[in-house]
Structure formats: C-alpha cells, structure tokens
PDB file of all heavy atoms in Angstrom:
ATOM      1  N   LYS A   1       0.834  -1.210   0.000  1.00  0.00           N
ATOM      2  CA  LYS A   1       0.000   0.000   0.000  1.00  0.00           C
ATOM      3  C   LYS A   1       0.859   1.247   0.000  1.00  0.00           C
ATOM      4  O   LYS A   1       2.046   1.207   0.323  1.00  0.00           O
ATOM      5  CB  LYS A   1      -0.913   0.008   1.226  1.00  0.00           C
ATOM      6  CG  LYS A   1      -1.897  -1.135   1.294  1.00  0.00           C
ATOM      7  CD  LYS A   1      -2.763  -1.013   2.531  1.00  0.00           C
ATOM      8  CE  LYS A   1      -3.774  -2.139   2.625  1.00  0.00           C
ATOM      9  NZ  LYS A   1      -4.618  -2.017   3.841  1.00  0.00           N
ATOM     10  N   GLN A   2       0.233   2.369  -0.332  1.00  0.00           N
ATOM     11  CA  GLN A   2       0.915   3.653  -0.236  1.00  0.00           C
ATOM     12  C   GLN A   2       0.906   4.139   1.216  1.00  0.00           C
ATOM     13  O   GLN A   2       0.058   3.748   2.015  1.00  0.00           O
ATOM     14  CB  GLN A   2       0.214   4.683  -1.125  1.00  0.00           C
ATOM     15  CG  GLN A   2       0.380   4.418  -2.613  1.00  0.00           C
ATOM     16  CD  GLN A   2      -0.127   5.562  -3.466  1.00  0.00           C
ATOM     17  OE1 GLN A   2      -1.033   6.290  -3.053  1.00  0.00           O
ATOM     18  NE2 GLN A   2       0.440   5.733  -4.637  1.00  0.00           N
ATOM     19  N   ARG A   3       1.849   4.979   1.531  1.00  0.00           N
ATOM     20  CA  ARG A   3       1.891   5.581   2.864  1.00  0.00           C
ATOM     21  C   ARG A   3       0.649   6.445   3.047  1.00  0.00           C
ATOM     22  O   ARG A   3       0.259   7.198   2.144  1.00  0.00           O
ATOM     23  CB  ARG A   3       3.161   6.410   3.030  1.00  0.00           C
ATOM     24  CG  ARG A   3       3.489   6.758   4.452  1.00  0.00           C
ATOM     25  CD  ARG A   3       4.882   7.363   4.564  1.00  0.00           C
ATOM     26  NE  ARG A   3       5.928   6.414   4.191  1.00  0.00           N
ATOM     27  CZ  ARG A   3       7.222   6.630   4.364  1.00  0.00           C
ATOM     28  NH1 ARG A   3       7.625   7.769   4.926  1.00  0.00           N
ATOM     29  NH2 ARG A   3       8.108   5.742   3.989  1.00  0.00           N
ATOM     30  N   GLU A   4       0.031   6.357   4.223  1.00  0.00           N
ATOM     31  CA  GLU A   4      -1.216   7.092   4.463  1.00  0.00           C
ATOM     32  C   GLU A   4      -1.188   7.779   5.825  1.00  0.00           C
ATOM     33  O   GLU A   4      -0.528   7.316   6.766  1.00  0.00           O
ATOM     34  CB  GLU A   4      -2.423   6.147   4.404  1.00  0.00           C
ATOM     35  CG  GLU A   4      -2.414   5.047   5.448  1.00  0.00           C
ATOM     36  CD  GLU A   4      -3.623   4.123   5.348  1.00  0.00           C
ATOM     37  OE1 GLU A   4      -4.359   4.186   4.342  1.00  0.00           O
ATOM     38  OE2 GLU A   4      -3.821   3.328   6.278  1.00  0.00           O
ATOM     39  N   PHE A   5      -1.928   8.860   5.904  1.00  0.00           N
ATOM     40  CA  PHE A   5      -2.052   9.636   7.128  1.00  0.00           C
ATOM     41  C   PHE A   5      -2.827   8.856   8.181  1.00  0.00           C
ATOM     42  O   PHE A   5      -3.825   8.203   7.872  1.00  0.00           O
ATOM     43  CB  PHE A   5      -2.773  10.950   6.820  1.00  0.00           C
ATOM     44  CG  PHE A   5      -3.157  11.753   8.024  1.00  0.00           C
ATOM     45  CD1 PHE A   5      -2.227  12.545   8.673  1.00  0.00           C
ATOM     46  CD2 PHE A   5      -4.451  11.711   8.515  1.00  0.00           C
ATOM     47  CE1 PHE A   5      -2.572  13.282   9.778  1.00  0.00           C
ATOM     48  CE2 PHE A   5      -4.819  12.457   9.624  1.00  0.00           C
ATOM     49  CZ  PHE A   5      -3.876  13.242  10.260  1.00  0.00           C
ATOM     50  N   VAL A   6      -2.362   8.946   9.434  1.00  0.00           N
ATOM     51  CA  VAL A   6      -3.052   8.312  10.548  1.00  0.00           C
ATOM     52  C   VAL A   6      -3.617   9.355  11.505  1.00  0.00           C
ATOM     53  O   VAL A   6      -4.810   9.379  11.783  1.00  0.00           O
ATOM     54  CB  VAL A   6      -2.111   7.361  11.313  1.00  0.00           C
ATOM     55  CG1 VAL A   6      -2.816   6.778  12.537  1.00  0.00           C
ATOM     56  CG2 VAL A   6      -1.612   6.250  10.409  1.00  0.00           C
ATOM     57  N   ALA A   7      -2.747  10.237  12.004  1.00  0.00           N
ATOM     58  CA  ALA A   7      -3.181  11.221  12.996  1.00  0.00           C
ATOM     59  C   ALA A   7      -2.151  12.329  13.073  1.00  0.00           C
ATOM     60  O   ALA A   7      -0.981  12.133  12.738  1.00  0.00           O
ATOM     61  CB  ALA A   7      -3.347  10.575  14.374  1.00  0.00           C
ATOM     62  N   SER A   8      -2.598  13.505  13.538  1.00  0.00           N
ATOM     63  CA  SER A   8      -1.687  14.627  13.732  1.00  0.00           C
ATOM     64  C   SER A   8      -2.102  15.416  14.964  1.00  0.00           C
ATOM     65  O   SER A   8      -3.272  15.395  15.373  1.00  0.00           O
ATOM     66  CB  SER A   8      -1.659  15.538  12.507  1.00  0.00           C
ATOM     67  OG  SER A   8      -2.922  16.154  12.316  1.00  0.00           O
ATOM     68  N   ILE A   9      -1.122  16.123  15.520  1.00  0.00           N
ATOM     69  CA  ILE A   9      -1.377  16.970  16.675  1.00  0.00           C
ATOM     70  C   ILE A   9      -0.559  18.242  16.536  1.00  0.00           C
ATOM     71  O   ILE A   9       0.654  18.193  16.300  1.00  0.00           O
ATOM     72  CB  ILE A   9      -1.065  16.224  17.994  1.00  0.00           C
ATOM     73  CG1 ILE A   9      -1.391  17.105  19.199  1.00  0.00           C
ATOM     74  CG2 ILE A   9       0.374  15.729  18.048  1.00  0.00           C
ATOM     75  CD1 ILE A   9      -1.397  16.327  20.527  1.00  0.00           C
ATOM     76  N   ARG A  10      -1.227  19.378  16.665  1.00  0.00           N
ATOM     77  CA  ARG A  10      -0.550  20.664  16.557  1.00  0.00           C
ATOM     78  C   ARG A  10      -0.001  21.089  17.920  1.00  0.00           C
ATOM     79  O   ARG A  10      -0.318  20.494  18.945  1.00  0.00           O
ATOM     80  CB  ARG A  10      -1.509  21.720  16.026  1.00  0.00           C
ATOM     81  CG  ARG A  10      -1.869  21.534  14.572  1.00  0.00           C
ATOM     82  CD  ARG A  10      -2.652  22.719  14.042  1.00  0.00           C
ATOM     83  NE  ARG A  10      -2.733  22.691  12.589  1.00  0.00           N
ATOM     84  CZ  ARG A  10      -3.297  23.642  11.865  1.00  0.00           C
ATOM     85  NH1 ARG A  10      -3.838  24.693  12.464  1.00  0.00           N
ATOM     86  NH2 ARG A  10      -3.335  23.544  10.561  1.00  0.00           N
ATOM     87  N   GLY A  11       0.781  22.177  17.893  1.00  0.00           N
ATOM     88  CA  GLY A  11       1.316  22.696  19.130  1.00  0.00           C
ATOM     89  C   GLY A  11       0.240  23.150  20.100  1.00  0.00           C
ATOM     90  O   GLY A  11       0.433  23.122  21.315  1.00  0.00           O
ATOM     91  N   ASN A  12      -0.917  23.555  19.574  1.00  0.00           N
ATOM     92  CA  ASN A  12      -2.035  23.970  20.429  1.00  0.00           C
ATOM     93  C   ASN A  12      -2.930  22.786  20.788  1.00  0.00           C
ATOM     94  O   ASN A  12      -4.055  22.968  21.253  1.00  0.00           O
ATOM     95  CB  ASN A  12      -2.853  25.065  19.745  1.00  0.00           C
ATOM     96  CG  ASN A  12      -3.502  24.594  18.455  1.00  0.00           C
ATOM     97  OD1 ASN A  12      -3.339  23.435  18.052  1.00  0.00           O
ATOM     98  ND2 ASN A  12      -4.229  25.477  17.793  1.00  0.00           N
ATOM     99  N   ASN A  13      -2.449  21.573  20.485  1.00  0.00           N
ATOM    100  CA  ASN A  13      -3.158  20.319  20.770  1.00  0.00           C
ATOM    101  C   ASN A  13      -4.391  20.083  19.902  1.00  0.00           C
ATOM    102  O   ASN A  13      -5.222  19.242  20.239  1.00  0.00           O
ATOM    103  CB  ASN A  13      -3.520  20.201  22.246  1.00  0.00           C
ATOM    104  CG  ASN A  13      -2.310  19.865  23.103  1.00  0.00           C
ATOM    105  OD1 ASN A  13      -1.430  19.107  22.687  1.00  0.00           O
ATOM    106  ND2 ASN A  13      -2.242  20.456  24.275  1.00  0.00           N
ATOM    107  N   GLU A  14      -4.512  20.809  18.807  1.00  0.00           N
ATOM    108  CA  GLU A  14      -5.556  20.489  17.839  1.00  0.00           C
ATOM    109  C   GLU A  14      -5.198  19.151  17.194  1.00  0.00           C
ATOM    110  O   GLU A  14      -4.075  18.949  16.743  1.00  0.00           O
ATOM    111  CB  GLU A  14      -5.656  21.571  16.775  1.00  0.00           C
ATOM    112  CG  GLU A  14      -6.706  21.288  15.708  1.00  0.00           C
ATOM    113  CD  GLU A  14      -6.732  22.359  14.636  1.00  0.00           C
ATOM    114  OE1 GLU A  14      -6.271  23.477  14.902  1.00  0.00           O
ATOM    115  OE2 GLU A  14      -7.202  22.059  13.526  1.00  0.00           O
ATOM    116  N   ILE A  15      -6.152  18.238  17.147  1.00  0.00           N
ATOM    117  CA  ILE A  15      -5.894  16.867  16.718  1.00  0.00           C
ATOM    118  C   ILE A  15      -6.779  16.488  15.531  1.00  0.00           C
ATOM    119  O   ILE A  15      -7.946  16.905  15.456  1.00  0.00           O
ATOM    120  CB  ILE A  15      -6.146  15.906  17.897  1.00  0.00           C
ATOM    121  CG1 ILE A  15      -5.051  16.071  18.957  1.00  0.00           C
ATOM    122  CG2 ILE A  15      -6.224  14.460  17.442  1.00  0.00           C
ATOM    123  CD1 ILE A  15      -5.304  15.286  20.230  1.00  0.00           C
ATOM    124  N   LYS A  16      -6.201  15.697  14.654  1.00  0.00           N
ATOM    125  CA  LYS A  16      -6.957  15.132  13.535  1.00  0.00           C
ATOM    126  C   LYS A  16      -6.654  13.638  13.444  1.00  0.00           C
ATOM    127  O   LYS A  16      -5.542  13.202  13.739  1.00  0.00           O
ATOM    128  CB  LYS A  16      -6.568  15.818  12.229  1.00  0.00           C
ATOM    129  CG  LYS A  16      -6.938  17.276  12.152  1.00  0.00           C
ATOM    130  CD  LYS A  16      -6.534  17.868  10.800  1.00  0.00           C
ATOM    131  CE  LYS A  16      -6.896  19.339  10.721  1.00  0.00           C
ATOM    132  NZ  LYS A  16      -6.475  19.944   9.419  1.00  0.00           N
ATOM    133  N   TYR A  17      -7.637  12.878  13.007  1.00  0.00           N
ATOM    134  CA  TYR A  17      -7.491  11.443  12.785  1.00  0.00           C
ATOM    135  C   TYR A  17      -8.042  11.069  11.422  1.00  0.00           C
ATOM    136  O   TYR A  17      -9.014  11.663  10.944  1.00  0.00           O
ATOM    137  CB  TYR A  17      -8.261  10.628  13.841  1.00  0.00           C
ATOM    138  CG  TYR A  17      -7.769  10.769  15.247  1.00  0.00           C
ATOM    139  CD1 TYR A  17      -8.448  11.568  16.158  1.00  0.00           C
ATOM    140  CD2 TYR A  17      -6.627  10.090  15.677  1.00  0.00           C
ATOM    141  CE1 TYR A  17      -8.005  11.690  17.465  1.00  0.00           C
ATOM    142  CE2 TYR A  17      -6.175  10.215  16.983  1.00  0.00           C
ATOM    143  CZ  TYR A  17      -6.874  11.030  17.867  1.00  0.00           C
ATOM    144  OH  TYR A  17      -6.422  11.151  19.158  1.00  0.00           O
ATOM    145  N   ASP A  18      -7.441  10.042  10.845  1.00  0.00           N
ATOM    146  CA  ASP A  18      -8.061   9.419   9.694  1.00  0.00           C
ATOM    147  C   ASP A  18      -9.287   8.652  10.188  1.00  0.00           C
ATOM    148  O   ASP A  18      -9.286   8.107  11.301  1.00  0.00           O
ATOM    149  CB  ASP A  18      -7.092   8.476   8.997  1.00  0.00           C
ATOM    150  CG  ASP A  18      -7.723   7.827   7.785  1.00  0.00           C
ATOM    151  OD1 ASP A  18      -7.828   8.516   6.751  1.00  0.00           O
ATOM    152  OD2 ASP A  18      -8.124   6.658   7.872  1.00  0.00           O
ATOM    153  N   ALA A  19     -10.315   8.580   9.355  1.00  0.00           N
ATOM    154  CA  ALA A  19     -11.557   7.938   9.768  1.00  0.00           C
ATOM    155  C   ALA A  19     -11.351   6.470  10.146  1.00  0.00           C
ATOM    156  O   ALA A  19     -12.070   5.926  10.999  1.00  0.00           O
ATOM    157  CB  ALA A  19     -12.599   8.055   8.659  1.00  0.00           C
ATOM    158  N   SER A  20     -10.360   5.833   9.547  1.00  0.00           N
ATOM    159  CA  SER A  20     -10.154   4.401   9.786  1.00  0.00           C
ATOM    160  C   SER A  20      -9.641   4.102  11.195  1.00  0.00           C
ATOM    161  O   SER A  20      -9.752   2.962  11.651  1.00  0.00           O
ATOM    162  CB  SER A  20      -9.161   3.843   8.758  1.00  0.00           C
ATOM    163  OG  SER A  20      -7.881   4.430   8.926  1.00  0.00           O
ATOM    164  N   VAL A  21      -9.121   5.106  11.879  1.00  0.00           N
ATOM    165  CA  VAL A  21      -8.568   4.876  13.219  1.00  0.00           C
ATOM    166  C   VAL A  21      -9.288   5.680  14.290  1.00  0.00           C
ATOM    167  O   VAL A  21      -9.000   5.523  15.485  1.00  0.00           O
ATOM    168  CB  VAL A  21      -7.061   5.206  13.278  1.00  0.00           C
ATOM    169  CG1 VAL A  21      -6.312   4.453  12.196  1.00  0.00           C
ATOM    170  CG2 VAL A  21      -6.808   6.703  13.155  1.00  0.00           C
ATOM    171  N   ASN A  22     -10.212   6.536  13.866  1.00  0.00           N
ATOM    172  CA  ASN A  22     -10.926   7.379  14.834  1.00  0.00           C
ATOM    173  C   ASN A  22     -11.632   6.512  15.881  1.00  0.00           C
ATOM    174  O   ASN A  22     -12.225   5.498  15.547  1.00  0.00           O
ATOM    175  CB  ASN A  22     -11.926   8.257  14.100  1.00  0.00           C
ATOM    176  CG  ASN A  22     -12.353   9.443  14.923  1.00  0.00           C
ATOM    177  OD1 ASN A  22     -11.685   9.818  15.885  1.00  0.00           O
ATOM    178  ND2 ASN A  22     -13.473  10.044  14.550  1.00  0.00           N
ATOM    179  N   ARG A  23     -11.529   6.928  17.126  1.00  0.00           N
ATOM    180  CA  ARG A  23     -12.116   6.247  18.288  1.00  0.00           C
ATOM    181  C   ARG A  23     -11.347   5.000  18.717  1.00  0.00           C
ATOM    182  O   ARG A  23     -11.681   4.405  19.733  1.00  0.00           O
ATOM    183  CB  ARG A  23     -13.580   5.862  18.055  1.00  0.00           C
ATOM    184  CG  ARG A  23     -14.485   7.033  17.759  1.00  0.00           C
ATOM    185  CD  ARG A  23     -15.922   6.608  17.596  1.00  0.00           C
ATOM    186  NE  ARG A  23     -16.798   7.700  17.233  1.00  0.00           N
ATOM    187  CZ  ARG A  23     -17.375   8.506  18.099  1.00  0.00           C
ATOM    188  NH1 ARG A  23     -17.163   8.336  19.391  1.00  0.00           N
ATOM    189  NH2 ARG A  23     -18.160   9.474  17.688  1.00  0.00           N
ATOM    190  N   ARG A  24     -10.309   4.615  17.974  1.00  0.00           N
ATOM    191  CA  ARG A  24      -9.456   3.492  18.378  1.00  0.00           C
ATOM    192  C   ARG A  24      -8.054   3.955  18.732  1.00  0.00           C
ATOM    193  O   ARG A  24      -7.418   3.396  19.625  1.00  0.00           O
ATOM    194  CB  ARG A  24      -9.380   2.437  17.264  1.00  0.00           C
ATOM    195  CG  ARG A  24     -10.708   1.810  16.917  1.00  0.00           C
ATOM    196  CD  ARG A  24     -10.525   0.630  15.963  1.00  0.00           C
ATOM    197  NE  ARG A  24      -9.902   1.023  14.703  1.00  0.00           N
ATOM    198  CZ  ARG A  24      -8.751   0.500  14.238  1.00  0.00           C
ATOM    199  NH1 ARG A  24      -8.109  -0.437  14.931  1.00  0.00           N
ATOM    200  NH2 ARG A  24      -8.258   0.903  13.077  1.00  0.00           N
ATOM    201  N   PHE A  25      -7.565   4.953  18.023  1.00  0.00           N
ATOM    202  CA  PHE A  25      -6.218   5.459  18.234  1.00  0.00           C
ATOM    203  C   PHE A  25      -6.287   6.824  18.917  1.00  0.00           C
ATOM    204  O   PHE A  25      -7.215   7.598  18.679  1.00  0.00           O
ATOM    205  CB  PHE A  25      -5.482   5.623  16.906  1.00  0.00           C
ATOM    206  CG  PHE A  25      -5.113   4.341  16.217  1.00  0.00           C
ATOM    207  CD1 PHE A  25      -5.610   3.111  16.630  1.00  0.00           C
ATOM    208  CD2 PHE A  25      -4.254   4.365  15.128  1.00  0.00           C
ATOM    209  CE1 PHE A  25      -5.267   1.935  15.992  1.00  0.00           C
ATOM    210  CE2 PHE A  25      -3.894   3.199  14.471  1.00  0.00           C
ATOM    211  CZ  PHE A  25      -4.401   1.991  14.902  1.00  0.00           C
ATOM    212  N   THR A  26      -5.287   7.113  19.739  1.00  0.00           N
ATOM    213  CA  THR A  26      -5.188   8.412  20.405  1.00  0.00           C
ATOM    214  C   THR A  26      -3.778   8.948  20.251  1.00  0.00           C
ATOM    215  O   THR A  26      -2.812   8.280  20.637  1.00  0.00           O
ATOM    216  CB  THR A  26      -5.529   8.296  21.895  1.00  0.00           C
ATOM    217  OG1 THR A  26      -6.855   7.764  22.054  1.00  0.00           O
ATOM    218  CG2 THR A  26      -5.469   9.668  22.563  1.00  0.00           C
ATOM    219  N   ILE A  27      -3.671  10.151  19.700  1.00  0.00           N
ATOM    220  CA  ILE A  27      -2.371  10.812  19.583  1.00  0.00           C
ATOM    221  C   ILE A  27      -2.235  11.797  20.730  1.00  0.00           C
ATOM    222  O   ILE A  27      -3.205  12.450  21.124  1.00  0.00           O
ATOM    223  CB  ILE A  27      -2.222  11.512  18.211  1.00  0.00           C
ATOM    224  CG1 ILE A  27      -0.779  11.997  18.009  1.00  0.00           C
ATOM    225  CG2 ILE A  27      -3.214  12.653  18.049  1.00  0.00           C
ATOM    226  CD1 ILE A  27      -0.500  12.484  16.595  1.00  0.00           C
ATOM    227  N   SER A  28      -1.030  11.885  21.275  1.00  0.00           N
ATOM    228  CA  SER A  28      -0.783  12.828  22.365  1.00  0.00           C
ATOM    229  C   SER A  28       0.683  13.256  22.308  1.00  0.00           C
ATOM    230  O   SER A  28       1.462  12.692  21.539  1.00  0.00           O
ATOM    231  CB  SER A  28      -1.114  12.196  23.725  1.00  0.00           C
ATOM    232  OG  SER A  28      -0.291  11.069  23.971  1.00  0.00           O
ATOM    233  N   ARG A  29       1.030  14.235  23.124  1.00  0.00           N
ATOM    234  CA  ARG A  29       2.400  14.730  23.120  1.00  0.00           C
ATOM    235  C   ARG A  29       2.818  15.105  24.530  1.00  0.00           C
ATOM    236  O   ARG A  29       1.988  15.474  25.366  1.00  0.00           O
ATOM    237  CB  ARG A  29       2.538  15.939  22.175  1.00  0.00           C
ATOM    238  CG  ARG A  29       1.732  17.150  22.604  1.00  0.00           C
ATOM    239  CD  ARG A  29       1.663  18.191  21.470  1.00  0.00           C
ATOM    240  NE  ARG A  29       2.980  18.678  21.118  1.00  0.00           N
ATOM    241  CZ  ARG A  29       3.305  19.159  19.912  1.00  0.00           C
ATOM    242  NH1 ARG A  29       2.398  19.188  18.960  1.00  0.00           N
ATOM    243  NH2 ARG A  29       4.524  19.600  19.671  1.00  0.00           N
ATOM    244  N   ASP A  30       4.117  15.009  24.760  1.00  0.00           N
ATOM    245  CA  ASP A  30       4.726  15.451  26.006  1.00  0.00           C
ATOM    246  C   ASP A  30       5.840  16.410  25.612  1.00  0.00           C
ATOM    247  O   ASP A  30       6.936  15.984  25.201  1.00  0.00           O
ATOM    248  CB  ASP A  30       5.270  14.260  26.794  1.00  0.00           C
ATOM    249  CG  ASP A  30       5.817  14.656  28.155  1.00  0.00           C
ATOM    250  OD1 ASP A  30       6.173  15.830  28.346  1.00  0.00           O
ATOM    251  OD2 ASP A  30       5.910  13.779  29.030  1.00  0.00           O
ATOM    252  N   ASN A  31       5.563  17.698  25.712  1.00  0.00           N
ATOM    253  CA  ASN A  31       6.540  18.698  25.269  1.00  0.00           C
ATOM    254  C   ASN A  31       7.817  18.672  26.112  1.00  0.00           C
ATOM    255  O   ASN A  31       8.890  19.001  25.614  1.00  0.00           O
ATOM    256  CB  ASN A  31       5.913  20.095  25.297  1.00  0.00           C
ATOM    257  CG  ASN A  31       4.872  20.280  24.213  1.00  0.00           C
ATOM    258  OD1 ASN A  31       4.861  19.559  23.208  1.00  0.00           O
ATOM    259  ND2 ASN A  31       3.987  21.234  24.411  1.00  0.00           N
ATOM    260  N   ALA A  32       7.711  18.273  27.362  1.00  0.00           N
ATOM    261  CA  ALA A  32       8.891  18.212  28.227  1.00  0.00           C
ATOM    262  C   ALA A  32       9.862  17.130  27.759  1.00  0.00           C
ATOM    263  O   ALA A  32      11.056  17.198  28.033  1.00  0.00           O
ATOM    264  CB  ALA A  32       8.479  17.962  29.666  1.00  0.00           C
ATOM    265  N   LYS A  33       9.329  16.124  27.048  1.00  0.00           N
ATOM    266  CA  LYS A  33      10.157  15.018  26.575  1.00  0.00           C
ATOM    267  C   LYS A  33      10.358  15.037  25.065  1.00  0.00           C
ATOM    268  O   LYS A  33      10.929  14.100  24.507  1.00  0.00           O
ATOM    269  CB  LYS A  33       9.522  13.686  26.979  1.00  0.00           C
ATOM    270  CG  LYS A  33       9.451  13.470  28.481  1.00  0.00           C
ATOM    271  CD  LYS A  33       8.836  12.120  28.821  1.00  0.00           C
ATOM    272  CE  LYS A  33       8.795  11.888  30.323  1.00  0.00           C
ATOM    273  NZ  LYS A  33       8.188  10.572  30.665  1.00  0.00           N
ATOM    274  N   ASN A  34       9.871  16.089  24.397  1.00  0.00           N
ATOM    275  CA  ASN A  34       9.961  16.161  22.926  1.00  0.00           C
ATOM    276  C   ASN A  34       9.442  14.883  22.277  1.00  0.00           C
ATOM    277  O   ASN A  34      10.025  14.376  21.306  1.00  0.00           O
ATOM    278  CB  ASN A  34      11.410  16.416  22.486  1.00  0.00           C
ATOM    279  CG  ASN A  34      11.791  17.879  22.589  1.00  0.00           C
ATOM    280  OD1 ASN A  34      11.128  18.656  23.283  1.00  0.00           O
ATOM    281  ND2 ASN A  34      12.865  18.255  21.937  1.00  0.00           N
ATOM    282  N   THR A  35       8.348  14.374  22.810  1.00  0.00           N
ATOM    283  CA  THR A  35       7.844  13.075  22.384  1.00  0.00           C
ATOM    284  C   THR A  35       6.374  13.155  21.999  1.00  0.00           C
ATOM    285  O   THR A  35       5.573  13.800  22.686  1.00  0.00           O
ATOM    286  CB  THR A  35       8.031  12.035  23.502  1.00  0.00           C
ATOM    287  OG1 THR A  35       9.424  11.939  23.832  1.00  0.00           O
ATOM    288  CG2 THR A  35       7.538  10.666  23.067  1.00  0.00           C
ATOM    289  N   VAL A  36       6.046  12.475  20.910  1.00  0.00           N
ATOM    290  CA  VAL A  36       4.661  12.307  20.499  1.00  0.00           C
ATOM    291  C   VAL A  36       4.338  10.812  20.569  1.00  0.00           C
ATOM    292  O   VAL A  36       5.198   9.973  20.266  1.00  0.00           O
ATOM    293  CB  VAL A  36       4.414  12.876  19.091  1.00  0.00           C
ATOM    294  CG1 VAL A  36       5.267  12.192  18.037  1.00  0.00           C
ATOM    295  CG2 VAL A  36       2.942  12.792  18.714  1.00  0.00           C
ATOM    296  N   TYR A  37       3.141  10.507  21.002  1.00  0.00           N
ATOM    297  CA  TYR A  37       2.719   9.129  21.201  1.00  0.00           C
ATOM    298  C   TYR A  37       1.537   8.786  20.300  1.00  0.00           C
ATOM    299  O   TYR A  37       0.760   9.656  19.894  1.00  0.00           O
ATOM    300  CB  TYR A  37       2.290   8.902  22.656  1.00  0.00           C
ATOM    301  CG  TYR A  37       3.347   9.225  23.673  1.00  0.00           C
ATOM    302  CD1 TYR A  37       3.350  10.462  24.335  1.00  0.00           C
ATOM    303  CD2 TYR A  37       4.347   8.312  23.985  1.00  0.00           C
ATOM    304  CE1 TYR A  37       4.324  10.757  25.280  1.00  0.00           C
ATOM    305  CE2 TYR A  37       5.319   8.606  24.927  1.00  0.00           C
ATOM    306  CZ  TYR A  37       5.301   9.828  25.568  1.00  0.00           C
ATOM    307  OH  TYR A  37       6.268  10.127  26.498  1.00  0.00           O
ATOM    308  N   LEU A  38       1.391   7.507  20.033  1.00  0.00           N
ATOM    309  CA  LEU A  38       0.206   7.000  19.366  1.00  0.00           C
ATOM    310  C   LEU A  38      -0.255   5.762  20.131  1.00  0.00           C
ATOM    311  O   LEU A  38       0.397   4.722  20.067  1.00  0.00           O
ATOM    312  CB  LEU A  38       0.477   6.651  17.900  1.00  0.00           C
ATOM    313  CG  LEU A  38      -0.767   6.259  17.102  1.00  0.00           C
ATOM    314  CD1 LEU A  38      -1.695   7.468  16.930  1.00  0.00           C
ATOM    315  CD2 LEU A  38      -0.379   5.706  15.730  1.00  0.00           C
ATOM    316  N   GLN A  39      -1.334   5.923  20.889  1.00  0.00           N
ATOM    317  CA  GLN A  39      -1.932   4.805  21.603  1.00  0.00           C
ATOM    318  C   GLN A  39      -2.921   4.131  20.669  1.00  0.00           C
ATOM    319  O   GLN A  39      -3.853   4.787  20.177  1.00  0.00           O
ATOM    320  CB  GLN A  39      -2.643   5.286  22.868  1.00  0.00           C
ATOM    321  CG  GLN A  39      -3.374   4.194  23.637  1.00  0.00           C
ATOM    322  CD  GLN A  39      -2.431   3.169  24.237  1.00  0.00           C
ATOM    323  OE1 GLN A  39      -1.397   3.502  24.791  1.00  0.00           O
ATOM    324  NE2 GLN A  39      -2.798   1.887  24.133  1.00  0.00           N
ATOM    325  N   MET A  40      -2.721   2.854  20.422  1.00  0.00           N
ATOM    326  CA  MET A  40      -3.552   2.123  19.471  1.00  0.00           C
ATOM    327  C   MET A  40      -4.295   1.019  20.216  1.00  0.00           C
ATOM    328  O   MET A  40      -3.671   0.131  20.804  1.00  0.00           O
ATOM    329  CB  MET A  40      -2.672   1.527  18.367  1.00  0.00           C
ATOM    330  CG  MET A  40      -1.815   2.560  17.668  1.00  0.00           C
ATOM    331  SD  MET A  40      -0.860   1.872  16.288  1.00  0.00           S
ATOM    332  CE  MET A  40       0.237   0.778  17.166  1.00  0.00           C
ATOM    333  N   ASN A  41      -5.603   1.090  20.199  1.00  0.00           N
ATOM    334  CA  ASN A  41      -6.452   0.094  20.850  1.00  0.00           C
ATOM    335  C   ASN A  41      -7.312  -0.621  19.810  1.00  0.00           C
ATOM    336  O   ASN A  41      -7.460  -0.150  18.679  1.00  0.00           O
ATOM    337  CB  ASN A  41      -7.345   0.757  21.895  1.00  0.00           C
ATOM    338  CG  ASN A  41      -6.563   1.423  23.001  1.00  0.00           C
ATOM    339  OD1 ASN A  41      -5.473   0.973  23.379  1.00  0.00           O
ATOM    340  ND2 ASN A  41      -7.096   2.517  23.532  1.00  0.00           N
ATOM    341  N   SER A  42      -7.876  -1.747  20.218  1.00  0.00           N
ATOM    342  CA  SER A  42      -8.761  -2.525  19.327  1.00  0.00           C
ATOM    343  C   SER A  42      -8.117  -2.748  17.965  1.00  0.00           C
ATOM    344  O   SER A  42      -8.743  -2.542  16.920  1.00  0.00           O
ATOM    345  CB  SER A  42     -10.109  -1.798  19.166  1.00  0.00           C
ATOM    346  OG  SER A  42     -10.731  -1.615  20.422  1.00  0.00           O
ATOM    347  N   LEU A  43      -6.872  -3.165  17.994  1.00  0.00           N
ATOM    348  CA  LEU A  43      -6.118  -3.310  16.744  1.00  0.00           C
ATOM    349  C   LEU A  43      -6.701  -4.408  15.867  1.00  0.00           C
ATOM    350  O   LEU A  43      -7.184  -5.444  16.362  1.00  0.00           O
ATOM    351  CB  LEU A  43      -4.653  -3.594  17.047  1.00  0.00           C
ATOM    352  CG  LEU A  43      -3.855  -2.347  17.461  1.00  0.00           C
ATOM    353  CD1 LEU A  43      -2.579  -2.732  18.177  1.00  0.00           C
ATOM    354  CD2 LEU A  43      -3.567  -1.486  16.241  1.00  0.00           C
ATOM    355  N   LYS A  44      -6.648  -4.164  14.570  1.00  0.00           N
ATOM    356  CA  LYS A  44      -7.171  -5.081  13.565  1.00  0.00           C
ATOM    357  C   LYS A  44      -6.023  -5.531  12.653  1.00  0.00           C
ATOM    358  O   LYS A  44      -5.036  -4.809  12.509  1.00  0.00           O
ATOM    359  CB  LYS A  44      -8.231  -4.375  12.722  1.00  0.00           C
ATOM    360  CG  LYS A  44      -9.360  -3.753  13.516  1.00  0.00           C
ATOM    361  CD  LYS A  44     -10.280  -2.964  12.598  1.00  0.00           C
ATOM    362  CE  LYS A  44     -11.399  -2.291  13.378  1.00  0.00           C
ATOM    363  NZ  LYS A  44     -12.297  -1.513  12.478  1.00  0.00           N
TER     364      LYS A  44
END
C-alpha cells in the first residue's frame, strides 16, 4: 500500500485522525520530553 495519514497533533493540541482509526487510536504529546505518542487500541 501507499503511505497514508493516521493522525496529527498541533502545538495547540488540535488533533486530527483518519476515519479508519478514529475512536481506536489516540495521539498525544509530552513537550517536556519532545515526544509524540500514538496509543492504538482494538487493533485489527
């Protein structure tokens, strides 16, 4: 498959998800650790 968008998070914490992962995946960030996370639940 081609590379596809999953989720994004802006500096103001505005978040977007692709419809295929909405309500299953959660994107978050920890600015103190320069880290962005992707929590994936109900994996298929």
